[in-house]
Amino acid sequence: MSFKAVDLLGISMLIDYEAMFREAGAEIELVKNPCPLGATEDEIISAIGDADAVITQTTFQKFTKKVLGSLPKVRLVSSIGVGYDNLDVPAATEAVILAANVPDASTDEVAEHTLGLILSCTRGIIELNEIVKAGRWTAVGDPHIAGNVWPRLSRLRGQALGIIGLGRIGQAVASRAKAFGLTVMAYDPYISTAVFEKAGAENLGLAELLEKSDIVSLHCPLTAETNGMLGVAELKKMKKTACLINTARGAIVDFAALFSALKEGYIAMAAFDVTEPEPIEASSPLLGLPNFIVTAHSAGISPQAFSELQRRPGYEVLRVYRGEWPVGLLNPEVKESYLRKWKKP
């Protein structure tokens, strides 16, 4: 029986999947059929054709219920990246399609970037750098630094970090935060008590976490439940001295509410790696605020992470070809029905 994988991203220009399959002794035909980012549902369906497996990036290529329901031959949709926005996992379950992401490729990078953003907020690193480069540091000191910047610097030890989303990245942030002497709290209704205990994080509800935290850091996926999770009411619950960090997805926060919170002083600072939309519009009023930091969705980037992100989909295709489960399987509840429908090629 033939087995066909289609590359919808053009990622095979960077990684030789054909050689990977050949070296593994797998008879897998690779179809290079890149689809434009933001392609329509019909364009995606047409590009996939009769493939058994799909390599894509669902952040940019939407796998809706209609798309997944129109792919009777597809066994696997493997999305490059940690996030799986626009991948209708329930529909994938109904269609008996395995859905997979790459949940662990950039855990270290995102956790470290998060700590960098925390330090940028609490130690004024970016602001001080800009002041000095503008020539405002003199031998006797700059009154603005002494009178306005220094009073806002703070010591991390003893402060409370509230993590929203205690998955792989949230746990990695927690372990690093403890090295700085931060007290760690977390909100995640889908994580077991054992995980909270292992992470050394106090298990709190969302409202209580927002009220008690000096720093709030977002590490939850973007879902219907988390979309717009933090609006005006939630931001007003936070301390006026608090910092909000977001290396997850921009749409988890209402950006109009965020502007009001920073402008009116509901919170002290925000440091985001992600925005909604992306890229952030040049006219966004947030860009004119001195207490808003943004880093162009770069938290998960490193040569090591890129290599893993590019290779993992090929390995996932091989696993499904061999009758194994993907490492990044998002819908394990489909296993029984999948085994009834499909057989190893």
Protein backbone atom coordinates (compact mmCIF):
# COMPACT_ATOMS: atom_id res chain seq x y z
CA MET A 1 0.00 0.00 0.00
CA SER A 2 1.37 3.43 -0.95
CA PHE A 3 1.74 6.16 1.67
CA LYS A 4 1.91 9.82 0.72
CA ALA A 5 2.91 12.86 2.79
CA VAL A 6 2.29 16.40 1.55
CA ASP A 7 4.38 19.40 2.60
CA LEU A 8 2.03 22.40 2.65
CA LEU A 9 4.68 24.78 3.98
CA GLY A 10 7.60 24.31 1.63
CA ILE A 11 9.64 23.30 4.68
CA SER A 12 11.19 20.47 2.66
CA MET A 13 13.38 23.14 1.05
CA LEU A 14 15.13 23.33 4.44
CA ILE A 15 15.03 19.72 5.58
CA ASP A 16 15.38 16.67 3.33
CA TYR A 17 12.37 14.61 4.37
CA GLU A 18 12.84 12.29 1.41
CA ALA A 19 16.31 11.33 2.64
CA MET A 20 14.90 10.91 6.17
CA PHE A 21 12.23 8.52 4.91
CA ARG A 22 14.69 6.67 2.67
CA GLU A 23 17.24 6.19 5.46
CA ALA A 24 14.47 4.82 7.66
CA GLY A 25 13.58 2.27 4.99
CA ALA A 26 10.10 3.75 4.59
CA GLU A 27 8.30 3.81 1.27
CA ILE A 28 6.76 7.23 1.68
CA GLU A 29 6.13 9.53 -1.27
CA LEU A 30 6.71 13.20 -0.43
CA VAL A 31 4.59 15.69 -2.34
CA LYS A 32 5.89 19.27 -2.23
CA ASN A 33 2.79 21.36 -2.65
CA PRO A 34 3.23 24.61 -0.69
CA CYS A 35 0.00 26.44 0.02
CA PRO A 36 -0.01 30.21 0.68
CA LEU A 37 -0.16 31.33 4.28
CA GLY A 38 -3.73 32.33 4.94
CA ALA A 39 -5.02 29.98 2.23
CA THR A 40 -8.75 29.35 2.01
CA GLU A 41 -10.32 26.10 3.17
CA ASP A 42 -10.86 24.96 -0.42
CA GLU A 43 -7.26 25.76 -1.36
CA ILE A 44 -5.97 23.67 1.55
CA ILE A 45 -8.27 20.74 0.73
CA SER A 46 -7.20 20.84 -2.93
CA ALA A 47 -3.49 21.05 -2.06
CA ILE A 48 -3.69 18.00 0.21
CA GLY A 49 -5.40 15.83 -2.38
CA ASP A 50 -5.11 12.13 -1.58
CA ALA A 51 -2.25 12.41 0.91
CA ASP A 52 -2.11 10.21 4.02
CA ALA A 53 -0.19 12.73 6.14
CA VAL A 54 0.11 16.53 6.14
CA ILE A 55 2.97 18.75 7.29
CA THR A 56 1.67 22.25 8.00
CA GLN A 57 1.64 25.20 10.40
CA THR A 58 -1.89 25.69 11.63
CA THR A 59 -1.15 29.16 12.96
CA PHE A 60 -1.12 30.24 9.31
CA GLN A 61 -2.98 27.44 7.52
CA LYS A 62 -6.36 26.85 9.13
CA PHE A 63 -7.51 23.27 9.62
CA THR A 64 -11.16 23.88 10.37
CA LYS A 65 -13.95 21.36 10.82
CA LYS A 66 -14.76 21.70 7.12
CA VAL A 67 -11.16 21.02 6.06
CA LEU A 68 -10.70 18.03 8.35
CA GLY A 69 -14.08 16.60 7.36
CA SER A 70 -13.05 16.75 3.70
CA LEU A 71 -9.92 14.61 4.12
CA PRO A 72 -11.14 10.98 4.26
CA LYS A 73 -7.69 9.57 3.43
CA VAL A 74 -5.61 11.68 5.85
CA ARG A 75 -4.35 9.95 8.99
CA LEU A 76 -2.09 12.67 10.41
CA VAL A 77 -1.96 16.47 10.49
CA SER A 78 1.42 17.45 11.93
CA SER A 79 1.71 21.14 12.78
CA ILE A 80 5.12 22.74 13.22
CA GLY A 81 5.30 24.69 16.46
CA VAL A 82 4.10 24.52 20.04
CA GLY A 83 0.83 26.36 19.43
CA TYR A 84 -1.98 24.75 17.50
CA ASP A 85 -4.20 27.75 16.86
CA ASN A 86 -6.69 27.13 14.05
CA LEU A 87 -6.42 23.35 14.35
CA ASP A 88 -9.89 22.04 15.18
CA VAL A 89 -8.84 19.15 17.40
CA PRO A 90 -12.42 18.01 18.17
CA ALA A 91 -13.09 17.84 14.44
CA ALA A 92 -9.87 15.89 13.98
CA THR A 93 -11.22 13.43 16.53
CA GLU A 94 -14.55 13.13 14.72
CA ALA A 95 -12.75 12.60 11.41
CA VAL A 96 -10.43 9.96 12.95
CA ILE A 97 -7.37 12.05 12.13
CA LEU A 98 -4.34 12.19 14.44
CA ALA A 99 -3.42 15.80 15.23
CA ALA A 100 0.11 16.54 16.43
CA ASN A 101 2.23 19.54 17.35
CA VAL A 102 5.83 19.97 18.55
CA PRO A 103 5.25 20.77 22.23
CA ASP A 104 8.80 20.53 23.51
CA ALA A 105 11.05 21.94 20.78
CA SER A 106 11.50 25.41 22.29
CA THR A 107 10.61 24.95 25.95
CA ASP A 108 14.00 26.18 27.18
CA GLU A 109 14.05 29.13 24.79
CA VAL A 110 10.59 30.39 25.78
CA ALA A 111 11.24 29.89 29.49
CA GLU A 112 14.53 31.80 29.27
CA HIS A 113 12.95 34.57 27.18
CA THR A 114 10.22 34.86 29.80
CA LEU A 115 12.81 35.42 32.53
CA GLY A 116 14.50 37.96 30.28
CA LEU A 117 11.24 39.89 29.93
CA ILE A 118 10.67 39.72 33.69
CA LEU A 119 14.14 41.15 34.30
CA SER A 120 13.55 43.82 31.66
CA CYS A 121 10.48 44.95 33.59
CA THR A 122 11.86 44.74 37.11
CA ARG A 123 15.39 46.03 36.38
CA GLY A 124 14.58 48.66 33.74
CA ILE A 125 17.18 47.18 31.38
CA ILE A 126 15.69 48.38 28.09
CA GLU A 127 14.82 51.85 29.40
CA LEU A 128 18.27 52.39 30.91
CA ASN A 129 19.93 51.24 27.70
CA GLU A 130 17.91 53.73 25.66
CA ILE A 131 18.67 56.56 28.09
CA VAL A 132 22.40 55.93 27.92
CA LYS A 133 22.41 55.63 24.10
CA ALA A 134 20.59 58.96 23.95
CA GLY A 135 23.60 60.53 25.73
CA ARG A 136 21.84 61.25 29.00
CA TRP A 137 24.31 59.55 31.35
CA THR A 138 26.84 61.97 32.78
CA ALA A 139 29.70 61.44 35.17
CA VAL A 140 27.61 62.69 38.08
CA GLY A 141 24.49 60.78 37.04
CA ASP A 142 21.32 61.68 35.24
CA PRO A 143 18.55 63.15 37.43
CA HIS A 144 15.93 61.30 35.38
CA ILE A 145 17.62 57.99 36.14
CA ALA A 146 17.94 58.75 39.83
CA GLY A 147 14.52 60.33 40.20
CA ASN A 148 12.33 58.30 37.85
CA VAL A 149 13.98 55.02 36.84
CA TRP A 150 15.79 53.83 39.95
CA PRO A 151 12.70 54.13 42.21
CA ARG A 152 10.88 51.67 39.92
CA LEU A 153 13.59 48.98 40.02
CA SER A 154 12.87 46.02 42.24
CA ARG A 155 14.45 42.90 43.70
CA LEU A 156 13.00 39.60 42.47
CA ARG A 157 13.66 37.63 45.64
CA GLY A 158 10.50 37.53 47.70
CA GLN A 159 8.17 38.63 44.92
CA ALA A 160 5.26 36.45 43.77
CA LEU A 161 5.16 35.07 40.24
CA GLY A 162 1.75 33.92 39.01
CA ILE A 163 1.87 31.49 36.10
CA ILE A 164 -1.25 30.97 33.99
CA GLY A 165 -0.80 27.60 32.28
CA LEU A 166 1.41 25.06 34.04
CA GLY A 167 2.34 22.89 31.08
CA ARG A 168 5.89 22.19 29.91
CA ILE A 169 6.84 25.85 29.50
CA GLY A 170 5.04 26.98 32.64
CA GLN A 171 6.89 24.34 34.65
CA ALA A 172 10.22 25.36 33.07
CA VAL A 173 9.55 28.98 34.02
CA ALA A 174 8.67 27.92 37.57
CA SER A 175 11.97 26.06 38.05
CA ARG A 176 13.99 29.02 36.76
CA ALA A 177 11.98 31.50 38.80
CA LYS A 178 12.84 29.69 42.01
CA ALA A 179 16.54 30.25 41.32
CA PHE A 180 15.78 34.00 41.51
CA GLY A 181 13.98 33.56 44.82
CA LEU A 182 10.50 34.13 43.45
CA THR A 183 7.49 32.57 45.14
CA VAL A 184 5.57 30.65 42.49
CA MET A 185 1.79 30.38 42.16
CA ALA A 186 -0.13 28.98 39.21
CA TYR A 187 -3.58 28.67 37.68
CA ASP A 188 -4.34 25.70 35.45
CA PRO A 189 -7.61 23.77 35.80
CA TYR A 190 -6.35 20.97 33.56
CA ILE A 191 -3.17 20.09 35.47
CA SER A 192 -3.03 17.54 38.29
CA THR A 193 -2.19 18.33 41.89
CA ALA A 194 0.94 16.20 41.50
CA VAL A 195 2.27 18.54 38.79
CA PHE A 196 1.68 21.59 41.00
CA GLU A 197 3.53 19.88 43.84
CA LYS A 198 6.43 18.87 41.60
CA ALA A 199 6.69 22.43 40.25
CA GLY A 200 6.53 23.84 43.76
CA ALA A 201 3.65 26.09 42.74
CA GLU A 202 0.68 27.04 44.88
CA ASN A 203 -2.58 26.10 43.13
CA LEU A 204 -4.84 29.17 42.94
CA GLY A 205 -7.93 30.28 41.08
CA LEU A 206 -7.49 32.90 38.39
CA ALA A 207 -8.89 35.86 40.36
CA GLU A 208 -6.81 35.09 43.44
CA LEU A 209 -3.65 34.64 41.38
CA LEU A 210 -4.15 38.00 39.67
CA GLU A 211 -4.70 39.72 43.00
CA LYS A 212 -1.67 38.21 44.74
CA SER A 213 0.96 38.24 41.98
CA ASP A 214 3.68 40.83 41.52
CA ILE A 215 4.35 39.33 38.09
CA VAL A 216 1.82 37.41 35.96
CA SER A 217 3.16 35.26 33.11
CA LEU A 218 0.97 33.63 30.44
CA HIS A 219 1.78 30.11 29.22
CA CYS A 220 -1.59 28.69 28.22
CA PRO A 221 -2.67 27.74 24.69
CA LEU A 222 -5.07 29.93 22.73
CA THR A 223 -8.47 28.23 22.83
CA ALA A 224 -12.09 29.34 22.85
CA GLU A 225 -11.80 29.37 26.64
CA THR A 226 -8.63 31.47 26.86
CA ASN A 227 -9.36 33.88 23.99
CA GLY A 228 -9.72 37.30 25.65
CA MET A 229 -9.20 35.75 29.09
CA LEU A 230 -7.65 38.95 30.45
CA GLY A 231 -9.84 41.98 29.90
CA VAL A 232 -10.39 45.20 31.84
CA ALA A 233 -12.00 43.47 34.83
CA GLU A 234 -9.14 40.98 35.16
CA LEU A 235 -6.38 43.57 34.71
CA LYS A 236 -7.98 45.75 37.38
CA LYS A 237 -7.65 42.84 39.81
CA MET A 238 -3.84 43.00 39.48
CA LYS A 239 -1.57 45.11 41.67
CA LYS A 240 -0.79 48.59 40.37
CA THR A 241 2.89 47.66 40.66
CA ALA A 242 2.47 44.37 38.77
CA CYS A 243 4.04 43.32 35.47
CA LEU A 244 2.23 41.21 32.85
CA ILE A 245 4.34 38.89 30.68
CA ASN A 246 2.99 37.13 27.58
CA THR A 247 5.01 34.62 25.58
CA ALA A 248 1.94 32.50 24.74
CA ARG A 249 -0.54 34.07 22.30
CA GLY A 250 -1.53 37.70 21.90
CA ALA A 251 -5.29 37.09 21.76
CA ILE A 252 -5.34 35.77 25.33
CA VAL A 253 -5.28 39.45 26.34
CA ASP A 254 -7.72 42.14 25.20
CA PHE A 255 -5.32 44.68 23.71
CA ALA A 256 -7.66 47.65 24.12
CA ALA A 257 -7.94 46.74 27.79
CA LEU A 258 -4.17 46.34 28.01
CA PHE A 259 -3.63 49.85 26.64
CA SER A 260 -6.07 51.27 29.20
CA ALA A 261 -4.43 49.31 32.02
CA LEU A 262 -0.95 50.61 31.16
CA LYS A 263 -2.11 54.15 30.40
CA GLU A 264 -4.31 54.50 33.48
CA GLY A 265 -1.93 52.69 35.82
CA TYR A 266 -3.99 49.58 36.62
CA ILE A 267 -0.68 47.74 36.17
CA ALA A 268 2.89 49.01 35.99
CA MET A 269 4.34 47.26 32.93
CA ALA A 270 3.73 44.67 30.24
CA ALA A 271 6.29 42.73 28.22
CA PHE A 272 4.88 40.74 25.30
CA ASP A 273 6.53 38.50 22.74
CA VAL A 274 3.19 37.98 20.98
CA THR A 275 0.46 40.35 19.80
CA GLU A 276 -2.94 40.32 18.17
CA PRO A 277 -2.74 40.84 15.27
CA GLU A 278 0.79 39.88 14.28
CA PRO A 279 2.73 41.84 13.37
CA ILE A 280 1.45 44.54 15.68
CA GLU A 281 0.13 47.49 13.68
CA ALA A 282 2.55 50.42 13.44
CA SER A 283 -0.30 52.68 14.54
CA SER A 284 -0.98 50.71 17.72
CA PRO A 285 -1.07 53.13 20.68
CA LEU A 286 0.72 50.50 22.76
CA LEU A 287 3.93 51.22 20.84
CA GLY A 288 3.92 54.76 22.19
CA LEU A 289 3.87 53.66 25.81
CA PRO A 290 7.18 53.55 27.73
CA ASN A 291 5.86 50.75 29.95
CA PHE A 292 5.16 48.32 27.08
CA ILE A 293 7.91 46.02 25.74
CA VAL A 294 7.45 43.83 22.66
CA THR A 295 9.88 41.35 21.06
CA ALA A 296 8.41 40.23 17.70
CA HIS A 297 7.40 36.63 18.50
CA SER A 298 11.00 35.55 18.99
CA ALA A 299 10.86 33.73 22.33
CA GLY A 300 11.01 30.24 20.87
CA ILE A 301 13.79 30.95 18.40
CA SER A 302 17.25 29.37 18.37
CA PRO A 303 19.14 27.25 15.82
CA GLN A 304 18.58 24.22 18.05
CA ALA A 305 14.83 24.82 18.26
CA PHE A 306 14.55 25.44 14.52
CA SER A 307 16.27 22.14 13.80
CA GLU A 308 13.87 20.23 16.05
CA LEU A 309 10.82 22.06 14.70
CA GLN A 310 11.79 21.21 11.13
CA ARG A 311 12.67 17.57 11.76
CA ARG A 312 9.87 16.53 14.11
CA PRO A 313 7.05 16.48 11.50
CA GLY A 314 9.08 14.05 9.39
CA TYR A 315 9.58 11.77 12.37
CA GLU A 316 5.86 11.99 13.18
CA VAL A 317 5.02 10.93 9.62
CA LEU A 318 7.40 7.97 10.03
CA ARG A 319 5.76 6.98 13.30
CA VAL A 320 2.28 6.93 11.79
CA TYR A 321 3.59 5.05 8.74
CA ARG A 322 4.96 2.39 11.11
CA GLY A 323 1.72 2.16 13.06
CA GLU A 324 3.04 4.12 16.06
CA TRP A 325 1.56 7.13 17.84
CA PRO A 326 2.99 10.65 17.29
CA VAL A 327 5.05 12.06 20.15
CA GLY A 328 3.09 15.31 20.02
CA LEU A 329 -0.35 13.68 19.79
CA LEU A 330 -3.05 16.24 20.68
CA ASN A 331 -6.10 13.97 20.59
CA PRO A 332 -5.26 10.63 22.28
CA GLU A 333 -8.99 10.00 22.70
CA VAL A 334 -9.11 9.07 18.99
CA LYS A 335 -6.79 6.06 19.37
CA GLU A 336 -9.46 3.36 19.61
CA SER A 337 -11.49 4.57 16.63
CA TYR A 338 -8.28 5.22 14.68
CA LEU A 339 -7.16 1.61 15.13
CA ARG A 340 -10.56 0.38 13.95
CA LYS A 341 -10.31 2.46 10.76
CA TRP A 342 -6.67 2.25 9.80
CA LYS A 343 -4.11 -0.48 9.51
CA LYS A 344 -0.35 -0.18 9.27
CA PRO A 345 0.54 0.25 5.58
